[in-house]
């Protein structure tokens, strides 16, 4: 038996929820329920997959920026060490010579 289903409404409610309106023609009620349950499960799976992909994308971006921030802090610490060594000669001569030997 042929049946028709018209999508009458698609409205996103939340990141993982969507309101779908469907009007079925020429189909019995038990078949309508079965088709709607299958459609609901498929839409839920697709939206969860999209949400996971978006969260993974955000996690990748944050992960890359975290590594860059640590690198910048290390460089900042290195420059502060250079400034302290070059501006204050109050360090013991062995430590001062060791640090200066790193930059030769």
N, C-alpha and C. Protein backbone atom coordinates (compact mmCIF):
# COMPACT_ATOMS: atom_id res chain seq x y z
N UNK A 1 0.83 -1.17 0.00
CA UNK A 1 0.00 0.00 0.00
C UNK A 1 0.88 1.24 0.00
N UNK A 2 0.65 2.15 -0.88
CA UNK A 2 1.41 3.39 -0.96
C UNK A 2 0.94 4.37 0.09
N UNK A 3 1.88 5.10 0.64
CA UNK A 3 1.52 6.12 1.61
C UNK A 3 2.37 7.36 1.36
N UNK A 4 1.90 8.46 1.88
CA UNK A 4 2.60 9.72 1.69
C UNK A 4 2.81 10.37 3.04
N UNK A 5 3.94 10.97 3.20
CA UNK A 5 4.22 11.73 4.41
C UNK A 5 4.77 13.09 4.01
N UNK A 6 4.14 14.13 4.49
CA UNK A 6 4.58 15.49 4.19
C UNK A 6 5.15 16.10 5.47
N UNK A 7 6.35 16.60 5.37
CA UNK A 7 6.95 17.31 6.50
C UNK A 7 6.36 18.71 6.51
N UNK A 8 5.65 19.02 7.58
CA UNK A 8 4.97 20.31 7.65
C UNK A 8 5.68 21.30 8.55
N UNK A 9 6.62 20.82 9.39
CA UNK A 9 7.29 21.73 10.31
C UNK A 9 8.63 21.15 10.75
N UNK A 10 9.69 21.95 10.70
CA UNK A 10 11.00 21.61 11.25
C UNK A 10 11.44 22.81 12.08
N UNK A 11 11.54 22.59 13.38
CA UNK A 11 11.91 23.70 14.26
C UNK A 11 12.92 23.23 15.30
N UNK A 12 14.15 23.73 15.25
CA UNK A 12 15.12 23.35 16.29
C UNK A 12 14.74 23.96 17.64
N UNK A 13 14.71 23.13 18.66
CA UNK A 13 14.37 23.60 20.00
C UNK A 13 15.62 23.87 20.83
N UNK A 14 16.52 22.92 20.85
CA UNK A 14 17.79 23.02 21.57
C UNK A 14 18.86 22.48 20.65
N UNK A 15 20.07 22.37 21.18
CA UNK A 15 21.17 21.85 20.37
C UNK A 15 20.91 20.41 19.92
N UNK A 16 20.26 19.63 20.75
CA UNK A 16 20.03 18.22 20.42
C UNK A 16 18.56 17.87 20.28
N UNK A 17 17.69 18.88 20.15
CA UNK A 17 16.26 18.61 20.00
C UNK A 17 15.69 19.37 18.82
N UNK A 18 14.74 18.72 18.11
CA UNK A 18 14.09 19.35 16.98
C UNK A 18 12.62 18.94 16.96
N UNK A 19 11.77 19.91 16.70
CA UNK A 19 10.35 19.64 16.57
C UNK A 19 10.07 19.37 15.09
N UNK A 20 9.49 18.21 14.79
CA UNK A 20 9.20 17.82 13.41
C UNK A 20 7.70 17.57 13.30
N UNK A 21 7.06 18.23 12.34
CA UNK A 21 5.65 18.00 12.08
C UNK A 21 5.49 17.25 10.78
N UNK A 22 4.80 16.11 10.82
CA UNK A 22 4.60 15.28 9.63
C UNK A 22 3.12 14.97 9.50
N UNK A 23 2.62 15.08 8.28
CA UNK A 23 1.23 14.72 8.01
C UNK A 23 1.24 13.51 7.08
N UNK A 24 0.70 12.39 7.57
CA UNK A 24 0.63 11.16 6.79
C UNK A 24 -0.72 11.06 6.09
N UNK A 25 -0.67 10.51 4.88
CA UNK A 25 -1.89 10.29 4.10
C UNK A 25 -1.89 8.82 3.67
N UNK A 26 -3.04 8.18 3.74
CA UNK A 26 -3.24 6.81 3.30
C UNK A 26 -2.38 5.80 4.09
N UNK A 27 -2.39 5.88 5.40
CA UNK A 27 -1.66 4.91 6.21
C UNK A 27 -2.39 4.71 7.53
N UNK A 28 -2.38 3.49 8.02
CA UNK A 28 -3.05 3.16 9.27
C UNK A 28 -2.27 3.71 10.46
N UNK A 29 -2.97 3.88 11.58
CA UNK A 29 -2.36 4.47 12.77
C UNK A 29 -1.17 3.67 13.31
N UNK A 30 -1.23 2.32 13.41
CA UNK A 30 -0.06 1.60 13.92
C UNK A 30 1.18 1.79 13.03
N UNK A 31 0.96 1.87 11.72
CA UNK A 31 2.09 2.09 10.82
C UNK A 31 2.64 3.50 10.98
N UNK A 32 1.76 4.46 11.20
CA UNK A 32 2.21 5.83 11.44
C UNK A 32 3.11 5.90 12.66
N UNK A 33 2.67 5.25 13.73
CA UNK A 33 3.45 5.25 14.97
C UNK A 33 4.82 4.62 14.75
N UNK A 34 4.84 3.48 14.06
CA UNK A 34 6.12 2.80 13.80
C UNK A 34 7.04 3.67 12.96
N UNK A 35 6.51 4.31 11.92
CA UNK A 35 7.32 5.19 11.09
C UNK A 35 7.84 6.39 11.87
N UNK A 36 7.01 6.96 12.72
CA UNK A 36 7.43 8.11 13.51
C UNK A 36 8.50 7.74 14.54
N UNK A 37 8.35 6.56 15.12
CA UNK A 37 9.37 6.12 16.07
C UNK A 37 10.72 5.93 15.38
N UNK A 38 10.70 5.33 14.21
CA UNK A 38 11.93 5.16 13.45
C UNK A 38 12.53 6.50 13.04
N UNK A 39 11.69 7.42 12.59
CA UNK A 39 12.16 8.75 12.20
C UNK A 39 12.72 9.50 13.41
N UNK A 40 12.07 9.40 14.54
CA UNK A 40 12.54 10.07 15.75
C UNK A 40 13.91 9.55 16.17
N UNK A 41 14.08 8.23 16.09
CA UNK A 41 15.37 7.64 16.46
C UNK A 41 16.47 8.10 15.49
N UNK A 42 16.14 8.13 14.21
CA UNK A 42 17.13 8.56 13.22
C UNK A 42 17.52 10.02 13.42
N UNK A 43 16.54 10.89 13.66
CA UNK A 43 16.84 12.30 13.89
C UNK A 43 17.66 12.49 15.17
N UNK A 44 17.32 11.71 16.20
CA UNK A 44 18.07 11.80 17.46
C UNK A 44 19.52 11.39 17.25
N UNK A 45 19.74 10.30 16.52
CA UNK A 45 21.10 9.84 16.24
C UNK A 45 21.89 10.88 15.45
N UNK A 46 21.26 11.48 14.44
CA UNK A 46 21.93 12.49 13.64
C UNK A 46 22.30 13.72 14.46
N UNK A 47 21.39 14.16 15.30
CA UNK A 47 21.66 15.34 16.11
C UNK A 47 22.73 15.07 17.16
N UNK A 48 22.73 13.88 17.74
CA UNK A 48 23.77 13.54 18.70
C UNK A 48 25.13 13.46 18.01
N UNK A 49 25.15 12.93 16.79
CA UNK A 49 26.40 12.87 16.05
C UNK A 49 26.91 14.28 15.73
N UNK A 50 26.00 15.17 15.35
CA UNK A 50 26.37 16.56 15.08
C UNK A 50 26.89 17.23 16.35
N UNK A 51 26.22 17.02 17.46
CA UNK A 51 26.63 17.63 18.71
C UNK A 51 28.02 17.12 19.13
N UNK A 52 28.26 15.81 18.96
CA UNK A 52 29.58 15.27 19.29
C UNK A 52 30.65 15.85 18.39
N UNK A 53 30.33 16.01 17.09
CA UNK A 53 31.31 16.59 16.17
C UNK A 53 31.62 18.04 16.54
N UNK A 54 30.61 18.79 16.92
CA UNK A 54 30.84 20.18 17.32
C UNK A 54 31.65 20.25 18.61
N UNK A 55 31.35 19.39 19.56
CA UNK A 55 32.12 19.38 20.81
C UNK A 55 33.56 18.96 20.56
N UNK A 56 33.77 18.01 19.66
CA UNK A 56 35.13 17.59 19.32
C UNK A 56 35.88 18.72 18.66
N UNK A 57 35.19 19.46 17.80
CA UNK A 57 35.82 20.60 17.14
C UNK A 57 36.24 21.65 18.16
N UNK A 58 35.36 21.94 19.12
CA UNK A 58 35.68 22.91 20.17
C UNK A 58 36.84 22.40 21.03
N UNK A 59 36.82 21.12 21.36
CA UNK A 59 37.90 20.55 22.17
C UNK A 59 39.22 20.63 21.43
N UNK A 60 39.22 20.38 20.13
CA UNK A 60 40.46 20.47 19.36
C UNK A 60 40.99 21.90 19.34
N UNK A 61 40.09 22.87 19.17
CA UNK A 61 40.51 24.27 19.16
C UNK A 61 41.09 24.66 20.51
N UNK A 62 40.40 24.29 21.60
CA UNK A 62 40.89 24.61 22.94
C UNK A 62 42.21 23.90 23.23
N UNK A 63 42.34 22.68 22.76
CA UNK A 63 43.58 21.93 22.98
C UNK A 63 44.76 22.60 22.30
N UNK A 64 44.56 23.06 21.09
CA UNK A 64 45.65 23.74 20.38
C UNK A 64 46.00 25.06 21.06
N UNK A 65 45.00 25.81 21.50
CA UNK A 65 45.27 27.08 22.15
C UNK A 65 45.93 26.89 23.51
N UNK A 66 45.58 25.81 24.21
CA UNK A 66 46.19 25.53 25.49
C UNK A 66 47.69 25.31 25.32
N UNK A 67 48.06 24.55 24.32
CA UNK A 67 49.48 24.28 24.06
C UNK A 67 50.19 25.58 23.70
N UNK A 68 49.55 26.43 22.90
CA UNK A 68 50.15 27.71 22.54
C UNK A 68 50.32 28.60 23.77
N UNK A 69 49.34 28.60 24.66
CA UNK A 69 49.44 29.42 25.87
C UNK A 69 50.59 28.96 26.76
N UNK A 70 50.77 27.66 26.89
CA UNK A 70 51.89 27.14 27.69
C UNK A 70 53.21 27.56 27.04
N UNK A 71 53.29 27.48 25.74
CA UNK A 71 54.51 27.90 25.04
C UNK A 71 54.79 29.38 25.25
N UNK A 72 53.75 30.20 25.18
CA UNK A 72 53.94 31.64 25.40
C UNK A 72 54.39 31.93 26.84
N UNK A 73 53.83 31.21 27.80
CA UNK A 73 54.26 31.40 29.18
C UNK A 73 55.72 30.98 29.38
N UNK A 74 56.13 29.91 28.71
CA UNK A 74 57.52 29.48 28.80
C UNK A 74 58.45 30.53 28.20
N UNK A 75 58.07 31.10 27.08
CA UNK A 75 58.89 32.15 26.46
C UNK A 75 58.94 33.38 27.36
N UNK A 76 57.80 33.74 27.96
CA UNK A 76 57.77 34.87 28.88
C UNK A 76 58.70 34.64 30.06
N UNK A 77 58.67 33.45 30.62
CA UNK A 77 59.56 33.12 31.73
C UNK A 77 61.02 33.19 31.31
N UNK A 78 61.31 32.74 30.12
CA UNK A 78 62.68 32.79 29.60
C UNK A 78 63.15 34.23 29.46
N UNK A 79 62.29 35.10 28.92
CA UNK A 79 62.66 36.51 28.76
C UNK A 79 62.82 37.20 30.11
N UNK A 80 61.99 36.86 31.08
CA UNK A 80 62.15 37.43 32.42
C UNK A 80 63.48 37.00 33.02
N UNK A 81 63.85 35.75 32.83
CA UNK A 81 65.13 35.27 33.32
C UNK A 81 66.28 36.03 32.67
N UNK A 82 66.20 36.27 31.38
CA UNK A 82 67.24 37.02 30.68
C UNK A 82 67.32 38.44 31.24
N UNK A 83 66.18 39.08 31.45
CA UNK A 83 66.15 40.44 31.98
C UNK A 83 66.77 40.50 33.37
N UNK A 84 66.41 39.54 34.23
CA UNK A 84 66.94 39.54 35.59
C UNK A 84 68.44 39.33 35.58
N UNK A 85 68.92 38.41 34.76
CA UNK A 85 70.35 38.11 34.72
C UNK A 85 71.13 39.30 34.19
N UNK A 86 70.62 39.95 33.16
CA UNK A 86 71.36 41.05 32.55
C UNK A 86 71.26 42.34 33.35
N UNK A 87 70.19 42.52 34.13
CA UNK A 87 70.05 43.79 34.85
C UNK A 87 70.62 43.73 36.27
N UNK A 88 70.71 42.56 36.85
CA UNK A 88 71.23 42.42 38.21
C UNK A 88 72.40 41.46 38.19
N UNK A 89 73.53 41.94 38.56
CA UNK A 89 74.70 41.07 38.62
C UNK A 89 74.91 40.59 40.05
N UNK A 90 73.84 40.44 40.80
CA UNK A 90 73.94 40.02 42.19
C UNK A 90 73.96 38.50 42.33
N UNK A 91 73.81 37.79 41.26
CA UNK A 91 73.86 36.34 41.32
C UNK A 91 75.29 35.89 41.59
N UNK A 92 75.46 34.75 42.19
CA UNK A 92 76.84 34.23 42.35
C UNK A 92 77.50 34.11 40.99
N UNK A 93 78.78 34.30 40.96
CA UNK A 93 79.49 34.36 39.69
C UNK A 93 79.35 33.05 38.90
N UNK A 94 79.30 31.90 39.58
CA UNK A 94 79.16 30.63 38.86
C UNK A 94 77.81 30.55 38.14
N UNK A 95 76.73 30.95 38.84
CA UNK A 95 75.41 30.91 38.23
C UNK A 95 75.32 31.92 37.10
N UNK A 96 75.92 33.09 37.32
CA UNK A 96 75.90 34.13 36.28
C UNK A 96 76.65 33.65 35.03
N UNK A 97 77.78 33.04 35.22
CA UNK A 97 78.57 32.55 34.09
C UNK A 97 77.84 31.39 33.37
N UNK A 98 77.17 30.53 34.14
CA UNK A 98 76.45 29.43 33.54
C UNK A 98 75.31 29.94 32.66
N UNK A 99 74.56 30.90 33.20
CA UNK A 99 73.44 31.43 32.44
C UNK A 99 73.93 32.18 31.22
N UNK A 100 75.01 32.95 31.35
CA UNK A 100 75.54 33.65 30.19
C UNK A 100 76.10 32.66 29.15
N UNK A 101 76.62 31.51 29.61
CA UNK A 101 77.13 30.53 28.66
C UNK A 101 76.01 29.90 27.84
N UNK A 102 74.80 29.93 28.37
CA UNK A 102 73.66 29.40 27.61
C UNK A 102 73.35 30.26 26.39
N UNK A 103 73.70 31.53 26.44
CA UNK A 103 73.34 32.45 25.36
C UNK A 103 74.46 32.70 24.38
N UNK A 104 75.59 32.04 24.56
CA UNK A 104 76.72 32.24 23.63
C UNK A 104 76.58 31.35 22.45
